[in-house]
Amino acid sequence: MAVTKQQVVVAAAGGGEALKKRNEELERDLRESQEREEQMRTELRRAWERLRIAEDAEERLCFQLGELEAEAVDQARSYHARIASLMDQLARAQQLLHQASAPTPRS
């Protein structure tokens, strides 16, 4: 069975249509892929910005926490010194009361 020139042209035309259709599908897939890639880049940029903001906030919070800790240590030292002073005053007052209530020797 011999293949005619017309059959070859028809087969080639059909194959060409299939290639054209496949090419269009590949181009569509490529566009969709490029759109997804751009969306991912945009998402990545947003995430990166959120991370930068979070890191800045963390740094500020750490600085504030350090200041608060230093202030707390100063207050604790001040309170300790005040308590020690009050205890000394109380001890002196108790000593004076004890001396005042002690019987005095009569001559």
N, C-alpha and C. Protein backbone atom coordinates (compact mmCIF):
# COMPACT_ATOMS: atom_id res chain seq x y z
N MET A 1 0.84 -1.16 0.00
CA MET A 1 0.00 0.00 0.00
C MET A 1 0.89 1.23 0.00
N ALA A 2 0.74 2.05 -0.99
CA ALA A 2 1.56 3.22 -1.18
C ALA A 2 0.90 4.42 -0.52
N VAL A 3 1.72 5.29 0.08
CA VAL A 3 1.23 6.51 0.72
C VAL A 3 1.35 7.62 -0.31
N THR A 4 0.25 8.34 -0.46
CA THR A 4 0.25 9.41 -1.46
C THR A 4 0.79 10.68 -0.83
N LYS A 5 1.17 11.59 -1.70
CA LYS A 5 1.69 12.87 -1.26
C LYS A 5 0.63 13.62 -0.47
N GLN A 6 -0.64 13.51 -0.86
CA GLN A 6 -1.73 14.18 -0.19
C GLN A 6 -1.89 13.65 1.24
N GLN A 7 -1.72 12.35 1.43
CA GLN A 7 -1.83 11.76 2.76
C GLN A 7 -0.70 12.26 3.67
N VAL A 8 0.48 12.43 3.11
CA VAL A 8 1.61 12.95 3.88
C VAL A 8 1.34 14.38 4.30
N VAL A 9 0.79 15.19 3.38
CA VAL A 9 0.49 16.60 3.69
C VAL A 9 -0.57 16.67 4.77
N VAL A 10 -1.63 15.84 4.68
CA VAL A 10 -2.70 15.83 5.68
C VAL A 10 -2.15 15.39 7.03
N ALA A 11 -1.32 14.36 7.05
CA ALA A 11 -0.72 13.87 8.29
C ALA A 11 0.17 14.94 8.91
N ALA A 12 0.94 15.61 8.04
CA ALA A 12 1.83 16.66 8.54
C ALA A 12 1.02 17.81 9.09
N ALA A 13 -0.08 18.15 8.43
CA ALA A 13 -0.93 19.24 8.89
C ALA A 13 -1.54 18.87 10.23
N GLY A 14 -2.01 17.65 10.38
CA GLY A 14 -2.54 17.19 11.66
C GLY A 14 -1.49 17.21 12.74
N GLY A 15 -0.32 16.77 12.42
CA GLY A 15 0.79 16.80 13.38
C GLY A 15 1.17 18.22 13.73
N GLY A 16 1.10 19.10 12.77
CA GLY A 16 1.40 20.52 13.00
C GLY A 16 0.39 21.13 13.95
N GLU A 17 -0.88 20.76 13.78
CA GLU A 17 -1.93 21.26 14.68
C GLU A 17 -1.67 20.76 16.10
N ALA A 18 -1.29 19.50 16.20
CA ALA A 18 -1.02 18.93 17.51
C ALA A 18 0.17 19.64 18.16
N LEU A 19 1.20 19.91 17.36
CA LEU A 19 2.35 20.64 17.89
C LEU A 19 1.99 22.05 18.30
N LYS A 20 1.16 22.70 17.47
CA LYS A 20 0.72 24.07 17.77
C LYS A 20 -0.08 24.08 19.07
N LYS A 21 -0.97 23.09 19.24
CA LYS A 21 -1.79 23.01 20.44
C LYS A 21 -0.90 22.74 21.66
N ARG A 22 0.05 21.82 21.49
CA ARG A 22 0.98 21.51 22.60
C ARG A 22 1.82 22.72 22.96
N ASN A 23 2.25 23.46 21.96
CA ASN A 23 3.04 24.67 22.18
C ASN A 23 2.23 25.70 22.96
N GLU A 24 0.96 25.87 22.59
CA GLU A 24 0.08 26.81 23.30
C GLU A 24 -0.10 26.38 24.76
N GLU A 25 -0.26 25.08 24.98
CA GLU A 25 -0.39 24.57 26.35
C GLU A 25 0.88 24.85 27.16
N LEU A 26 2.03 24.62 26.52
CA LEU A 26 3.29 24.87 27.21
C LEU A 26 3.47 26.36 27.52
N GLU A 27 3.08 27.23 26.58
CA GLU A 27 3.17 28.67 26.81
C GLU A 27 2.25 29.10 27.94
N ARG A 28 1.03 28.52 27.99
CA ARG A 28 0.09 28.84 29.06
C ARG A 28 0.65 28.38 30.41
N ASP A 29 1.20 27.17 30.42
CA ASP A 29 1.81 26.65 31.64
C ASP A 29 2.97 27.54 32.10
N LEU A 30 3.76 28.01 31.13
CA LEU A 30 4.88 28.89 31.45
C LEU A 30 4.38 30.19 32.06
N ARG A 31 3.35 30.80 31.47
CA ARG A 31 2.80 32.04 32.01
C ARG A 31 2.28 31.84 33.44
N GLU A 32 1.57 30.74 33.64
CA GLU A 32 1.04 30.45 34.98
C GLU A 32 2.17 30.25 35.98
N SER A 33 3.20 29.56 35.53
CA SER A 33 4.36 29.33 36.39
C SER A 33 5.04 30.66 36.74
N GLN A 34 5.17 31.53 35.75
CA GLN A 34 5.79 32.83 35.98
C GLN A 34 4.93 33.68 36.93
N GLU A 35 3.61 33.59 36.80
CA GLU A 35 2.72 34.32 37.70
C GLU A 35 2.86 33.80 39.13
N ARG A 36 2.91 32.47 39.28
CA ARG A 36 3.09 31.88 40.61
C ARG A 36 4.43 32.30 41.20
N GLU A 37 5.45 32.31 40.35
CA GLU A 37 6.77 32.72 40.82
C GLU A 37 6.76 34.16 41.30
N GLU A 38 6.11 35.04 40.57
CA GLU A 38 6.02 36.44 40.97
C GLU A 38 5.23 36.58 42.27
N GLN A 39 4.15 35.81 42.40
CA GLN A 39 3.38 35.83 43.65
C GLN A 39 4.24 35.38 44.83
N MET A 40 5.02 34.35 44.60
CA MET A 40 5.90 33.85 45.66
C MET A 40 6.96 34.89 46.02
N ARG A 41 7.49 35.58 45.02
CA ARG A 41 8.47 36.63 45.30
C ARG A 41 7.84 37.74 46.12
N THR A 42 6.61 38.12 45.75
CA THR A 42 5.90 39.15 46.49
C THR A 42 5.67 38.69 47.93
N GLU A 43 5.25 37.46 48.10
CA GLU A 43 5.04 36.90 49.44
C GLU A 43 6.34 36.88 50.23
N LEU A 44 7.40 36.51 49.57
CA LEU A 44 8.71 36.46 50.22
C LEU A 44 9.14 37.85 50.66
N ARG A 45 8.94 38.86 49.80
CA ARG A 45 9.28 40.24 50.17
C ARG A 45 8.47 40.68 51.38
N ARG A 46 7.18 40.36 51.40
CA ARG A 46 6.32 40.73 52.54
C ARG A 46 6.78 40.03 53.81
N ALA A 47 7.10 38.75 53.70
CA ALA A 47 7.57 38.00 54.86
C ALA A 47 8.89 38.58 55.37
N TRP A 48 9.76 38.93 54.44
CA TRP A 48 11.05 39.51 54.80
C TRP A 48 10.84 40.83 55.54
N GLU A 49 9.91 41.65 55.06
CA GLU A 49 9.62 42.93 55.71
C GLU A 49 9.04 42.69 57.11
N ARG A 50 8.13 41.72 57.23
CA ARG A 50 7.57 41.41 58.56
C ARG A 50 8.67 40.93 59.50
N LEU A 51 9.60 40.13 58.99
CA LEU A 51 10.71 39.66 59.80
C LEU A 51 11.58 40.82 60.25
N ARG A 52 11.87 41.73 59.35
CA ARG A 52 12.69 42.90 59.71
C ARG A 52 12.00 43.72 60.79
N ILE A 53 10.70 43.93 60.66
CA ILE A 53 9.95 44.69 61.65
C ILE A 53 9.96 43.96 63.00
N ALA A 54 9.78 42.65 62.96
CA ALA A 54 9.79 41.86 64.19
C ALA A 54 11.17 41.92 64.87
N GLU A 55 12.23 41.87 64.08
CA GLU A 55 13.57 41.94 64.64
C GLU A 55 13.82 43.31 65.27
N ASP A 56 13.36 44.38 64.61
CA ASP A 56 13.49 45.72 65.17
C ASP A 56 12.73 45.82 66.49
N ALA A 57 11.52 45.28 66.52
CA ALA A 57 10.71 45.32 67.74
C ALA A 57 11.38 44.52 68.85
N GLU A 58 11.94 43.37 68.50
CA GLU A 58 12.63 42.54 69.49
C GLU A 58 13.82 43.30 70.08
N GLU A 59 14.55 43.99 69.22
CA GLU A 59 15.71 44.75 69.68
C GLU A 59 15.28 45.85 70.64
N ARG A 60 14.20 46.56 70.29
CA ARG A 60 13.69 47.63 71.18
C ARG A 60 13.23 47.05 72.52
N LEU A 61 12.53 45.92 72.45
CA LEU A 61 12.04 45.30 73.68
C LEU A 61 13.19 44.84 74.57
N CYS A 62 14.22 44.27 73.97
CA CYS A 62 15.39 43.84 74.74
C CYS A 62 16.06 45.03 75.42
N PHE A 63 16.16 46.13 74.70
CA PHE A 63 16.75 47.34 75.27
C PHE A 63 15.91 47.83 76.45
N GLN A 64 14.59 47.87 76.27
CA GLN A 64 13.70 48.33 77.34
C GLN A 64 13.77 47.38 78.53
N LEU A 65 13.82 46.09 78.26
CA LEU A 65 13.93 45.11 79.34
C LEU A 65 15.22 45.31 80.12
N GLY A 66 16.30 45.57 79.43
CA GLY A 66 17.57 45.85 80.11
C GLY A 66 17.48 47.07 81.01
N GLU A 67 16.83 48.11 80.51
CA GLU A 67 16.65 49.32 81.33
C GLU A 67 15.79 49.03 82.55
N LEU A 68 14.72 48.27 82.36
CA LEU A 68 13.86 47.92 83.49
C LEU A 68 14.59 47.06 84.52
N GLU A 69 15.41 46.14 84.05
CA GLU A 69 16.18 45.30 84.98
C GLU A 69 17.15 46.15 85.79
N ALA A 70 17.81 47.10 85.13
CA ALA A 70 18.74 47.97 85.83
C ALA A 70 17.99 48.82 86.86
N GLU A 71 16.83 49.31 86.49
CA GLU A 71 16.03 50.10 87.42
C GLU A 71 15.56 49.25 88.60
N ALA A 72 15.18 48.01 88.33
CA ALA A 72 14.74 47.11 89.40
C ALA A 72 15.89 46.83 90.37
N VAL A 73 17.10 46.64 89.85
CA VAL A 73 18.26 46.40 90.72
C VAL A 73 18.52 47.63 91.58
N ASP A 74 18.44 48.82 90.99
CA ASP A 74 18.64 50.06 91.75
C ASP A 74 17.59 50.19 92.85
N GLN A 75 16.33 49.91 92.52
CA GLN A 75 15.26 50.00 93.51
C GLN A 75 15.47 48.98 94.63
N ALA A 76 15.86 47.76 94.26
CA ALA A 76 16.09 46.72 95.27
C ALA A 76 17.21 47.15 96.22
N ARG A 77 18.27 47.72 95.68
CA ARG A 77 19.37 48.19 96.53
C ARG A 77 18.91 49.31 97.44
N SER A 78 18.13 50.22 96.88
CA SER A 78 17.61 51.34 97.66
C SER A 78 16.69 50.83 98.78
N TYR A 79 15.80 49.90 98.45
CA TYR A 79 14.89 49.35 99.46
C TYR A 79 15.69 48.61 100.54
N HIS A 80 16.70 47.86 100.12
CA HIS A 80 17.52 47.13 101.08
C HIS A 80 18.22 48.11 102.02
N ALA A 81 18.76 49.19 101.49
CA ALA A 81 19.44 50.18 102.33
C ALA A 81 18.44 50.84 103.28
N ARG A 82 17.24 51.11 102.80
CA ARG A 82 16.21 51.73 103.65
C ARG A 82 15.79 50.78 104.77
N ILE A 83 15.63 49.49 104.44
CA ILE A 83 15.27 48.49 105.45
C ILE A 83 16.37 48.38 106.50
N ALA A 84 17.62 48.37 106.06
CA ALA A 84 18.75 48.29 107.00
C ALA A 84 18.76 49.51 107.91
N SER A 85 18.50 50.67 107.36
CA SER A 85 18.45 51.90 108.16
C SER A 85 17.31 51.84 109.17
N LEU A 86 16.14 51.39 108.75
CA LEU A 86 15.00 51.29 109.67
C LEU A 86 15.26 50.26 110.77
N MET A 87 15.94 49.16 110.40
CA MET A 87 16.27 48.15 111.41
C MET A 87 17.24 48.72 112.44
N ASP A 88 18.21 49.52 111.99
CA ASP A 88 19.16 50.16 112.91
C ASP A 88 18.41 51.12 113.84
N GLN A 89 17.50 51.91 113.27
CA GLN A 89 16.71 52.85 114.09
C GLN A 89 15.88 52.09 115.12
N LEU A 90 15.25 51.01 114.69
CA LEU A 90 14.43 50.20 115.59
C LEU A 90 15.29 49.61 116.71
N ALA A 91 16.46 49.12 116.35
CA ALA A 91 17.36 48.55 117.36
C ALA A 91 17.76 49.62 118.38
N ARG A 92 18.09 50.80 117.91
CA ARG A 92 18.46 51.90 118.83
C ARG A 92 17.28 52.29 119.70
N ALA A 93 16.09 52.35 119.09
CA ALA A 93 14.90 52.71 119.88
C ALA A 93 14.62 51.65 120.94
N GLN A 94 14.76 50.37 120.59
CA GLN A 94 14.54 49.30 121.58
C GLN A 94 15.59 49.38 122.69
N GLN A 95 16.81 49.71 122.32
CA GLN A 95 17.88 49.83 123.31
C GLN A 95 17.56 50.98 124.27
N LEU A 96 17.12 52.11 123.72
CA LEU A 96 16.76 53.25 124.58
C LEU A 96 15.60 52.90 125.49
N LEU A 97 14.61 52.21 124.98
CA LEU A 97 13.46 51.81 125.79
C LEU A 97 13.91 50.86 126.90
N HIS A 98 14.78 49.94 126.55
CA HIS A 98 15.28 49.00 127.54
C HIS A 98 16.04 49.73 128.64
N GLN A 99 16.87 50.71 128.24
CA GLN A 99 17.64 51.48 129.21
C GLN A 99 16.70 52.32 130.08
N ALA A 100 15.65 52.87 129.46
CA ALA A 100 14.75 53.73 130.22
C ALA A 100 13.90 52.92 131.19
N SER A 101 13.61 51.70 130.87
CA SER A 101 12.77 50.89 131.74
C SER A 101 13.57 50.10 132.76
N ALA A 102 14.86 50.11 132.66
CA ALA A 102 15.70 49.39 133.62
C ALA A 102 15.65 50.13 134.96
N PRO A 103 15.59 49.36 136.06
CA PRO A 103 15.56 50.04 137.37
C PRO A 103 16.89 50.74 137.65
N THR A 104 16.77 51.93 138.17
CA THR A 104 17.97 52.71 138.49
C THR A 104 18.36 52.37 139.94
N PRO A 105 19.65 52.22 140.18
CA PRO A 105 20.07 51.90 141.55
C PRO A 105 19.81 53.11 142.48
N ARG A 106 19.30 52.85 143.67
CA ARG A 106 19.00 53.92 144.63
C ARG A 106 20.19 54.08 145.57
N SER A 107 20.49 55.31 145.85
CA SER A 107 21.59 55.55 146.77
C SER A 107 21.09 55.85 148.13
